[in-house]
Protein backbone atom coordinates (compact mmCIF):
# COMPACT_ATOMS: atom_id res chain seq x y z
CA MET A 1 -6.54 -23.12 0.93
CA LYS A 2 -6.59 -22.13 -2.72
CA GLN A 3 -3.52 -19.85 -2.80
CA ASP A 4 0.16 -20.69 -2.69
CA MET A 5 2.31 -18.21 -0.77
CA ILE A 6 5.84 -16.81 -0.84
CA VAL A 7 6.99 -15.37 2.50
CA ILE A 8 9.24 -12.29 2.57
CA LEU A 9 11.41 -11.92 5.66
CA ASP A 10 12.35 -8.33 6.44
CA LEU A 11 16.08 -8.02 7.05
CA GLY A 12 16.28 -4.26 6.78
CA SER A 13 15.24 -3.56 3.19
CA HIS A 14 13.42 -0.42 2.10
CA GLU A 15 11.78 -2.44 -0.67
CA ASN A 16 9.77 -5.11 1.15
CA THR A 17 6.49 -3.78 -0.18
CA VAL A 18 7.90 -3.59 -3.71
CA VAL A 19 9.03 -7.22 -3.48
CA ALA A 20 5.59 -8.25 -2.23
CA ARG A 21 3.88 -6.48 -5.11
CA ALA A 22 6.37 -7.95 -7.60
CA ILE A 23 5.58 -11.48 -6.48
CA ARG A 24 1.85 -10.76 -6.61
CA ALA A 25 2.38 -9.36 -10.12
CA LEU A 26 3.59 -12.87 -11.02
CA GLY A 27 0.21 -14.17 -9.85
CA VAL A 28 1.45 -15.63 -6.56
CA TYR A 29 0.34 -14.44 -3.14
CA SER A 30 3.01 -13.01 -0.82
CA GLU A 31 3.21 -11.86 2.81
CA ILE A 32 5.84 -9.90 4.74
CA TYR A 33 7.07 -10.98 8.17
CA PRO A 34 9.82 -9.81 10.56
CA HIS A 35 13.24 -11.41 10.40
CA ASP A 36 12.84 -13.19 13.75
CA ILE A 37 9.83 -15.32 12.82
CA THR A 38 10.30 -18.82 14.24
CA VAL A 39 10.15 -22.04 12.27
CA ASP A 40 6.97 -23.05 14.11
CA GLU A 41 5.34 -19.71 13.25
CA LEU A 42 6.45 -20.09 9.64
CA LYS A 43 5.08 -23.62 9.33
CA ALA A 44 1.76 -22.48 10.81
CA LEU A 45 1.22 -20.21 7.81
CA PRO A 46 -0.89 -21.68 4.98
CA ASN A 47 0.67 -23.07 1.79
CA VAL A 48 4.15 -21.53 2.13
CA LYS A 49 6.07 -22.55 -0.99
CA GLY A 50 9.19 -20.41 -0.62
CA ILE A 51 11.04 -17.79 1.44
CA VAL A 52 12.70 -14.56 0.26
CA ILE A 53 15.17 -13.11 2.77
CA ASN A 54 15.22 -9.43 1.88
CA GLY A 55 18.26 -7.60 3.23
CA GLY A 56 19.04 -3.93 3.19
CA PRO A 57 20.56 -0.93 4.96
CA ASN A 58 18.44 -1.23 8.12
CA ASN A 59 19.89 -4.59 9.14
CA VAL A 60 21.45 -3.23 12.34
CA VAL A 61 18.99 -2.74 15.22
CA ASP A 62 20.19 -1.23 18.51
CA GLY A 63 23.78 -1.69 17.36
CA VAL A 64 23.38 -5.40 16.63
CA ALA A 65 23.29 -6.95 13.15
CA ILE A 66 20.07 -8.91 12.73
CA ASP A 67 19.60 -12.22 10.95
CA VAL A 68 17.03 -14.96 10.51
CA PHE A 69 17.10 -18.01 12.74
CA PRO A 70 19.42 -20.69 11.27
CA GLU A 71 16.59 -23.21 11.57
CA ILE A 72 14.78 -21.34 8.77
CA TYR A 73 17.17 -22.90 6.27
CA GLU A 74 16.35 -26.38 7.58
CA ALA A 75 12.55 -26.03 7.48
CA GLY A 76 12.24 -27.87 4.16
CA ILE A 77 11.12 -24.73 2.31
CA PRO A 78 13.19 -23.25 -0.58
CA VAL A 79 15.05 -20.06 0.39
CA ILE A 80 16.54 -17.25 -1.69
CA ALA A 81 18.29 -14.14 -0.36
CA ALA A 82 18.73 -10.62 -1.69
CA GLY A 83 21.11 -8.06 -0.21
CA HIS A 84 22.25 -10.47 2.50
CA ASP A 85 25.67 -12.01 1.84
CA LYS A 86 25.64 -13.95 5.13
CA ALA A 87 22.61 -15.97 4.08
CA LEU A 88 23.11 -19.75 4.29
CA CYS A 89 21.11 -20.50 1.16
CA GLU A 90 22.56 -21.42 -2.23
CA VAL A 91 21.19 -18.51 -4.28
CA LYS A 92 22.06 -14.97 -3.16
CA LEU A 93 21.07 -11.95 -5.24
CA PRO A 94 22.20 -8.32 -5.03
CA GLN A 95 20.06 -5.94 -2.98
CA PHE A 96 16.78 -5.20 -4.74
CA ALA A 97 16.05 -1.75 -6.14
CA ASN A 98 12.64 -0.07 -6.31
CA ASP A 99 11.66 -1.83 -9.54
CA VAL A 100 8.62 -4.14 -9.56
CA ASP A 101 9.30 -5.48 -13.04
CA GLY A 102 13.00 -6.05 -12.32
CA ILE A 103 12.29 -7.88 -9.06
CA ALA A 104 9.59 -10.00 -10.70
CA ALA A 105 12.04 -11.02 -13.43
CA ALA A 106 14.75 -11.85 -10.87
CA LEU A 107 12.40 -14.02 -8.78
CA LYS A 108 10.35 -15.67 -11.52
CA GLU A 109 12.50 -18.80 -11.82
CA PHE A 110 12.71 -19.20 -8.04
CA VAL A 111 8.96 -18.80 -7.55
CA PHE A 112 7.82 -21.13 -10.31
CA GLU A 113 10.69 -23.56 -10.92
CA THR A 114 12.29 -23.92 -7.48
CA CYS A 115 9.21 -23.41 -5.29
CA LYS A 116 6.70 -24.94 -7.72
CA ALA A 117 4.22 -22.24 -6.78
CA GLU A 118 1.10 -21.83 -8.89
CA ALA A 119 -0.14 -18.49 -10.19
CA ASN A 120 -3.38 -18.64 -8.21
CA TRP A 121 -3.37 -15.22 -6.52
CA ASN A 122 -6.63 -13.44 -7.25
CA MET A 123 -9.34 -11.81 -5.18
CA ALA A 124 -11.77 -14.70 -5.43
CA ASN A 125 -9.18 -17.07 -3.99
CA PHE A 126 -8.05 -14.51 -1.42
CA VAL A 127 -11.60 -14.03 -0.14
CA HIS A 128 -12.13 -17.81 -0.02
CA ASP A 129 -8.93 -18.37 1.95
CA GLN A 130 -9.56 -15.52 4.40
CA ILE A 131 -13.07 -16.77 5.11
CA GLU A 132 -11.61 -20.21 5.89
CA LEU A 133 -8.92 -18.69 8.13
CA VAL A 134 -11.46 -16.53 9.98
CA LYS A 135 -13.75 -19.52 10.57
CA LYS A 136 -10.80 -21.52 11.89
CA GLN A 137 -9.68 -18.68 14.17
CA VAL A 138 -13.07 -17.59 15.49
CA GLY A 139 -15.14 -20.78 15.55
CA ASP A 140 -18.57 -20.08 17.03
CA LYS A 141 -17.39 -17.07 19.06
CA LYS A 142 -18.40 -13.48 18.44
CA VAL A 143 -16.33 -10.72 16.84
CA LEU A 144 -16.68 -7.05 17.72
CA LEU A 145 -15.74 -4.87 14.76
CA ALA A 146 -14.75 -1.24 14.85
CA LEU A 147 -16.75 0.02 11.89
CA SER A 148 -15.76 3.54 10.91
CA GLY A 149 -17.46 3.40 7.52
CA GLY A 150 -14.16 3.79 5.67
CA VAL A 151 -13.08 1.43 2.93
CA ASP A 152 -10.92 -0.82 5.12
CA SER A 153 -13.42 -1.43 7.92
CA SER A 154 -16.30 -1.73 5.43
CA VAL A 155 -14.51 -4.45 3.45
CA VAL A 156 -13.60 -6.28 6.66
CA ALA A 157 -17.25 -6.08 7.75
CA ALA A 158 -18.43 -7.57 4.45
CA LEU A 159 -15.84 -10.37 4.63
CA LEU A 160 -16.66 -11.21 8.25
CA LEU A 161 -20.39 -11.20 7.49
CA LYS A 162 -19.74 -13.92 4.91
CA ALA A 163 -17.51 -15.84 7.32
CA ILE A 164 -19.47 -15.69 10.59
CA GLY A 165 -22.80 -13.98 9.83
CA ASP A 166 -24.72 -12.91 12.92
CA ASN A 167 -21.71 -13.60 15.14
CA LEU A 168 -20.30 -10.31 13.86
CA ILE A 169 -21.29 -7.27 15.91
CA CYS A 170 -20.35 -3.93 14.35
CA VAL A 171 -19.85 -0.88 16.52
CA HIS A 172 -19.84 2.55 14.96
CA VAL A 173 -18.50 5.24 17.25
CA ASN A 174 -19.36 8.80 16.36
CA HIS A 175 -16.47 10.58 18.05
CA GLY A 176 -17.55 14.00 16.84
CA LEU A 177 -14.70 14.00 14.34
CA MET A 178 -16.59 12.46 11.41
CA ARG A 179 -17.18 14.13 8.07
CA LYS A 180 -20.55 15.72 7.39
CA GLY A 181 -23.19 12.99 6.98
CA GLU A 182 -20.69 10.17 7.55
CA SER A 183 -22.28 8.51 10.57
CA GLU A 184 -25.72 8.70 9.03
CA SER A 185 -24.38 6.95 5.92
CA VAL A 186 -22.82 4.13 7.97
CA VAL A 187 -26.14 3.43 9.69
CA GLU A 188 -28.04 3.46 6.40
CA VAL A 189 -25.68 1.10 4.54
CA PHE A 190 -24.82 -1.44 7.19
CA LYS A 191 -27.91 -1.57 9.36
CA ASN A 192 -30.64 -0.86 6.84
CA GLN A 193 -29.14 -2.37 3.66
CA LEU A 194 -26.77 -5.14 4.77
CA ASN A 195 -28.73 -6.09 7.91
CA ALA A 196 -25.59 -6.22 10.03
CA ASN A 197 -25.75 -6.23 13.83
CA LEU A 198 -24.85 -2.57 14.30
CA VAL A 199 -24.41 -0.71 17.57
CA TYR A 200 -24.32 3.09 17.21
CA VAL A 201 -22.52 5.04 19.93
CA ASP A 202 -22.54 8.84 20.05
CA ALA A 203 -19.40 9.64 22.06
CA THR A 204 -18.85 13.17 20.75
CA GLU A 205 -18.63 14.87 24.12
CA ARG A 206 -16.44 12.12 25.55
CA PHE A 207 -13.83 12.43 22.80
CA LEU A 208 -13.81 16.21 22.50
CA THR A 209 -13.39 16.56 26.27
CA LYS A 210 -10.42 14.16 26.22
CA LEU A 211 -8.84 16.16 23.38
CA GLU A 212 -9.17 19.62 24.96
CA GLY A 213 -5.85 21.46 24.82
CA VAL A 214 -4.03 18.61 23.01
CA ALA A 215 -2.03 19.99 20.06
CA ASP A 216 0.49 17.26 19.19
CA PRO A 217 -0.89 15.09 16.35
CA GLU A 218 0.71 11.93 17.66
CA GLN A 219 -0.78 12.48 21.11
CA LYS A 220 -4.19 13.09 19.51
CA ARG A 221 -3.90 9.81 17.61
CA LYS A 222 -3.02 7.93 20.79
CA ILE A 223 -5.88 9.48 22.78
CA ILE A 224 -8.44 8.83 20.05
CA GLY A 225 -7.18 5.29 19.46
CA GLU A 226 -7.22 4.31 23.12
CA GLU A 227 -10.62 5.89 23.69
CA PHE A 228 -11.95 3.91 20.72
CA ILE A 229 -10.80 0.70 22.34
CA ARG A 230 -12.28 1.70 25.70
CA VAL A 231 -15.65 2.29 24.05
CA PHE A 232 -15.46 -1.14 22.38
CA GLU A 233 -14.62 -2.75 25.71
CA GLU A 234 -17.61 -1.07 27.32
CA GLU A 235 -19.91 -2.23 24.54
CA ALA A 236 -18.49 -5.75 24.74
CA ARG A 237 -19.32 -5.96 28.43
CA LYS A 238 -22.95 -5.46 27.48
CA LEU A 239 -22.78 -8.50 25.20
CA GLU A 240 -22.02 -12.19 25.73
CA GLY A 241 -19.37 -14.30 24.05
CA ILE A 242 -17.18 -11.51 22.67
CA GLU A 243 -13.62 -12.82 22.42
CA PHE A 244 -12.34 -11.16 19.26
CA LEU A 245 -11.84 -7.63 17.96
CA GLY A 246 -12.04 -7.20 14.18
CA GLN A 247 -9.95 -4.46 12.61
CA GLY A 248 -9.46 -3.02 9.14
CA THR A 249 -5.67 -2.97 9.44
CA ILE A 250 -3.84 -2.91 6.08
CA TYR A 251 -0.13 -3.16 5.38
CA PRO A 252 0.62 0.59 4.94
CA ASP A 253 -0.79 1.05 8.49
CA ILE A 254 1.79 -1.42 9.78
CA ILE A 255 4.67 0.22 7.90
CA GLU A 256 3.79 3.76 8.98
CA SER A 257 3.39 2.69 12.59
CA GLY A 258 6.97 1.39 12.60
CA THR A 259 8.50 -2.08 12.31
CA LYS A 260 11.55 -3.74 13.84
CA THR A 261 13.67 -2.30 11.02
CA ALA A 262 11.82 0.93 10.15
CA LYS A 263 11.02 3.99 12.25
CA MET A 264 7.47 5.15 12.85
CA VAL A 265 6.02 7.76 10.49
CA LYS A 266 2.73 8.08 12.37
CA SER A 267 0.81 5.79 14.66
CA HIS A 268 -2.44 4.06 13.74
CA HIS A 269 -4.78 3.18 16.60
CA ASN A 270 -5.16 -0.29 15.11
CA VAL A 271 -1.38 -0.93 15.10
CA GLY A 272 0.55 -0.90 18.33
CA GLY A 273 -1.79 1.62 19.89
CA LEU A 274 -3.92 -0.87 21.75
CA PRO A 275 -3.90 -0.72 25.56
CA GLU A 276 -1.99 -3.48 27.35
CA ASP A 277 -5.08 -4.69 29.17
CA LEU A 278 -7.05 -5.32 25.97
CA GLN A 279 -8.88 -8.59 26.46
CA PHE A 280 -9.65 -9.38 22.81
CA ALA A 281 -7.74 -11.45 20.31
CA LEU A 282 -7.41 -9.65 16.97
CA VAL A 283 -8.98 -10.61 13.63
CA GLU A 284 -7.26 -8.73 10.78
CA PRO A 285 -7.89 -10.46 7.43
CA LEU A 286 -6.66 -7.51 5.32
CA ALA A 287 -3.39 -6.89 7.20
CA GLN A 288 -1.20 -7.90 4.24
CA LEU A 289 -3.09 -5.95 1.56
CA PHE A 290 -2.48 -2.54 0.02
CA LYS A 291 -5.25 0.00 -0.51
CA ASP A 292 -5.86 -0.82 -4.19
CA GLU A 293 -6.09 -4.50 -3.29
CA VAL A 294 -8.56 -3.73 -0.48
CA ARG A 295 -10.81 -1.98 -3.00
CA ALA A 296 -10.55 -4.96 -5.36
CA CYS A 297 -11.50 -7.19 -2.44
CA GLY A 298 -14.55 -5.01 -1.80
CA VAL A 299 -15.63 -5.38 -5.43
CA GLU A 300 -15.23 -9.16 -5.17
CA LEU A 301 -17.40 -9.15 -2.05
CA GLY A 302 -20.13 -7.30 -3.93
CA LEU A 303 -20.03 -4.03 -2.01
CA PRO A 304 -21.56 -1.03 -3.81
CA ALA A 305 -19.13 1.17 -5.75
CA GLU A 306 -19.82 4.22 -3.61
CA MET A 307 -18.61 2.25 -0.60
CA VAL A 308 -15.61 0.60 -2.24
CA TYR A 309 -14.34 3.87 -3.66
CA ARG A 310 -15.24 5.98 -0.66
CA GLN A 311 -12.65 8.59 0.21
CA PRO A 312 -9.97 7.27 2.56
CA PHE A 313 -10.51 8.61 6.04
CA PRO A 314 -8.09 8.23 8.96
CA GLY A 315 -9.15 6.53 12.19
CA PRO A 316 -8.73 9.79 14.16
CA GLY A 317 -11.01 11.44 11.62
CA LEU A 318 -11.02 15.22 11.38
CA GLY A 319 -9.05 15.33 14.63
CA VAL A 320 -5.73 15.19 12.78
CA ARG A 321 -6.85 17.64 10.09
CA CYS A 322 -7.84 20.24 12.68
CA LEU A 323 -4.24 21.27 13.33
CA GLY A 324 -3.16 22.07 16.87
CA ALA A 325 -5.57 21.87 19.80
CA ILE A 326 -9.09 21.20 18.53
CA THR A 327 -11.72 23.89 18.98
CA ARG A 328 -15.35 23.38 18.11
CA ASP A 329 -15.57 26.38 15.80
CA ARG A 330 -12.50 25.27 13.81
CA LEU A 331 -13.82 21.73 13.71
CA GLU A 332 -17.09 23.00 12.26
CA ALA A 333 -15.20 25.09 9.67
CA LEU A 334 -13.25 21.98 8.75
CA ARG A 335 -16.35 19.80 8.44
CA GLU A 336 -18.22 22.32 6.28
CA SER A 337 -15.26 23.12 4.01
CA ASP A 338 -14.59 19.40 3.53
CA ALA A 339 -18.22 18.83 2.52
CA ILE A 340 -18.00 21.66 -0.03
CA LEU A 341 -14.76 20.27 -1.45
CA ARG A 342 -16.30 16.81 -1.88
CA GLU A 343 -19.38 18.28 -3.56
CA GLU A 344 -17.30 20.34 -5.98
CA PHE A 345 -14.96 17.46 -6.82
CA ALA A 346 -18.01 15.32 -7.64
CA LYS A 347 -19.45 18.14 -9.76
CA TYR A 348 -16.30 18.32 -11.90
CA GLY A 349 -15.67 14.55 -12.03
CA LEU A 350 -12.53 14.77 -9.91
CA ASP A 351 -13.98 12.34 -7.36
CA LYS A 352 -13.38 9.55 -9.89
CA LYS A 353 -9.91 10.79 -10.83
CA VAL A 354 -8.28 11.77 -7.52
CA TRP A 355 -7.44 9.10 -4.95
CA GLN A 356 -7.79 11.26 -1.82
CA TYR A 357 -8.77 14.88 -1.23
CA PHE A 358 -9.63 16.80 1.89
CA THR A 359 -9.36 20.11 3.71
CA VAL A 360 -7.23 21.11 6.70
CA VAL A 361 -7.70 24.02 9.09
CA PRO A 362 -4.56 25.28 10.92
CA ASP A 363 -4.74 26.75 14.41
CA PHE A 364 -4.30 30.40 13.50
CA LYS A 365 -6.24 33.22 11.90
CA ALA A 366 -5.35 35.63 9.14
CA VAL A 367 -6.65 39.08 8.27
CA GLY A 368 -9.47 39.18 5.75
CA VAL A 369 -12.25 41.45 4.56
CA ARG A 370 -15.89 40.55 5.17
CA ASN A 371 -18.93 42.85 4.92
CA HIS A 372 -16.62 45.68 3.83
CA GLU A 373 -14.62 45.63 7.02
CA ARG A 374 -11.53 44.01 8.48
CA SER A 375 -12.08 40.52 9.86
CA MET A 376 -9.99 37.69 11.25
CA GLY A 377 -10.68 34.28 9.79
CA TYR A 378 -9.27 30.76 9.55
CA MET A 379 -7.29 29.39 6.65
CA VAL A 380 -8.50 26.31 4.79
CA VAL A 381 -5.82 24.18 3.12
CA ILE A 382 -6.88 21.82 0.32
CA ARG A 383 -4.88 18.64 -0.36
CA ALA A 384 -5.49 16.26 -3.29
CA VAL A 385 -3.19 13.32 -4.03
CA ASN A 386 -2.96 10.25 -6.24
CA THR A 387 -1.36 6.95 -5.28
CA ILE A 388 -1.50 3.22 -5.98
CA ASP A 389 -0.45 1.68 -2.69
CA ALA A 390 -0.34 4.69 -0.29
CA MET A 391 3.42 4.30 0.10
CA THR A 392 4.11 7.21 -2.28
CA ALA A 393 1.78 9.90 -3.61
CA SER A 394 1.75 12.62 -6.27
CA ILE A 395 -0.18 15.89 -6.32
CA GLU A 396 -3.21 16.30 -8.57
CA ARG A 397 -2.85 19.32 -10.89
CA ILE A 398 -6.27 20.91 -10.57
CA ASP A 399 -7.50 23.47 -13.07
CA TYR A 400 -7.26 26.98 -11.63
CA ASP A 401 -10.87 27.82 -12.49
CA ILE A 402 -12.03 24.85 -10.41
CA LEU A 403 -9.86 25.92 -7.48
CA GLU A 404 -11.26 29.42 -7.77
CA ALA A 405 -14.84 28.08 -7.70
CA ILE A 406 -14.07 25.96 -4.62
CA CYS A 407 -12.46 28.94 -2.90
CA LYS A 408 -15.50 31.11 -3.57
CA ARG A 409 -17.91 28.56 -2.16
CA ILE A 410 -15.87 27.98 0.99
CA THR A 411 -15.36 31.67 1.73
CA ASP A 412 -19.01 32.48 0.89
CA GLU A 413 -20.55 29.66 2.91
CA VAL A 414 -18.15 29.26 5.84
CA GLU A 415 -18.07 32.67 7.47
CA SER A 416 -15.19 31.86 9.82
CA VAL A 417 -12.81 31.31 6.86
CA SER A 418 -10.83 34.15 5.30
CA ARG A 419 -8.34 32.29 3.06
CA VAL A 420 -8.08 29.10 0.98
CA CYS A 421 -4.76 27.54 -0.10
CA TYR A 422 -3.75 24.52 -2.23
CA GLU A 423 -0.98 22.29 -0.84
CA ILE A 424 1.46 20.77 -3.38
CA THR A 425 3.95 18.58 -1.48
CA PRO A 426 4.18 14.92 -2.64
CA LYS A 427 4.85 11.83 -0.49
CA PRO A 428 7.68 11.73 0.32
CA VAL A 429 8.68 14.20 1.78
CA ALA A 430 5.15 14.83 3.13
CA THR A 431 2.71 12.16 4.28
CA ILE A 432 -0.64 11.76 2.56
CA GLU A 433 -2.38 13.21 5.58
CA PHE A 434 -1.68 16.79 6.67
CA GLU A 435 -1.20 16.96 10.41
C-alpha cells in the first residue's frame, strides 16, 4: 500500500465528512467508520496511522449513549478525540465546527508528529491501492458490475478493468427510465471503445409494470433498486464463477441512506437496499470518496472528459423526477424536456459551469393555450445546482434570456407541456434531487 490512513470514528458528529476532507487537505488519506468498529476490523484496514474519535450531538442512539470499544485505546494506534469528554485518550479537543481549514490546523500536529503519517494521498496512489485491494478481495473470481453509465459506475468499471480485466462483467439495465440516448451511449463507450464484457438488458416493460400506481418516491427507489438486483441475479445465473457484485457507491450515498448516528435523507439502491437473499459479496472501491474525488479518479484512470464530467444521474433514473405515479406520457415529456435542457446548457456553455441540471415533471396539469384554444398541459420544473461534495448545494443564477429560450423550446417541442418553472431552493433545506 502506498497511502497512510487516518481513521475517523463517528460518535455522533455532524462534521465527519468535513473532518475527512480536512485530513485529506493535509495530504493524508482518511476514512470514516461507525463508532462500534472492533479492534480486529480496525487492524484489518491498510496502513492505519491514527484514529480521530469525532463526537457530537447525535451520540445517543435509542436512548443509550454510544462510545467506542475500550480496546480501541489499547490497539497500539495513536488516538485523539474531539467533542467527546469521556474519551480515554490523552488529547481531547472541543467539538469540531464546519471549518475545513480550522480542523486541518487543529489536527496537523497529531497527523504528522504523533502519527508519523506521510502526505501521500493523491489519486495515483489511491488507484494503485484500490487495485491491490480489489485483487486481494476478488482473486481469480468474477465480478458483476451494475453499469448505469453515470460517473460513479463508469469510474468503478475503469478501475475494475485495470484490476481484474476480463473477469469483470458489466451489466447495463435499460429500465425505461434513462435519459434520451443514455443507453446507446453506454454501449458505444464501454463495449465498442473500452472492449469491456458488456451485457445489455432491456427491462423497460418489467420496471414500468412494477412501478404502476406507485407515487411515494422512497417506495419507487426501493422497487427500482430491488428489481435492479433481481436482474443482476438472473444474469449471474447465466454465467459461471460470479461471486461478487461491483457497485459505484460513494460516501454521500452512505450518508443520505442513513447511518447509526444520522437519519436517512433518501435511500440509494446500492446502500442498504439490497435484498436479504443477495448471494454476492460487494466490491465498492469508491465508497469513501466524494463526487469531486470520483471525477479526479476518473481522470487518473484515463477516462474521456465527456464521461468523467457526465451529468450526475440517480440510480432510479427519471423515475424519481417523474413526480407521483409514473405515466408513460409524463415520462416522455420528462425525457424530451431534459434532452432540450442539456442541449441548451451546452449551447450556452453552462454544461461546463453547472454541476448538475435536470428537469422534473409533477403529476398534475395546468391550463394553457395551444393552437389558439384552451389546453391542459404538464409543468416542467428546471433545477440547476452547484456543489463540491454533494453534501450542500447552491442554485445557479441563470440569465433570464437563457431561461426564456429554454422555455420556448420546451413548450414548442413538447406538446404536452404548458408551463416551465425554475426552482431556486438550495441544499439544505432541499436535496439536490427533486422528488
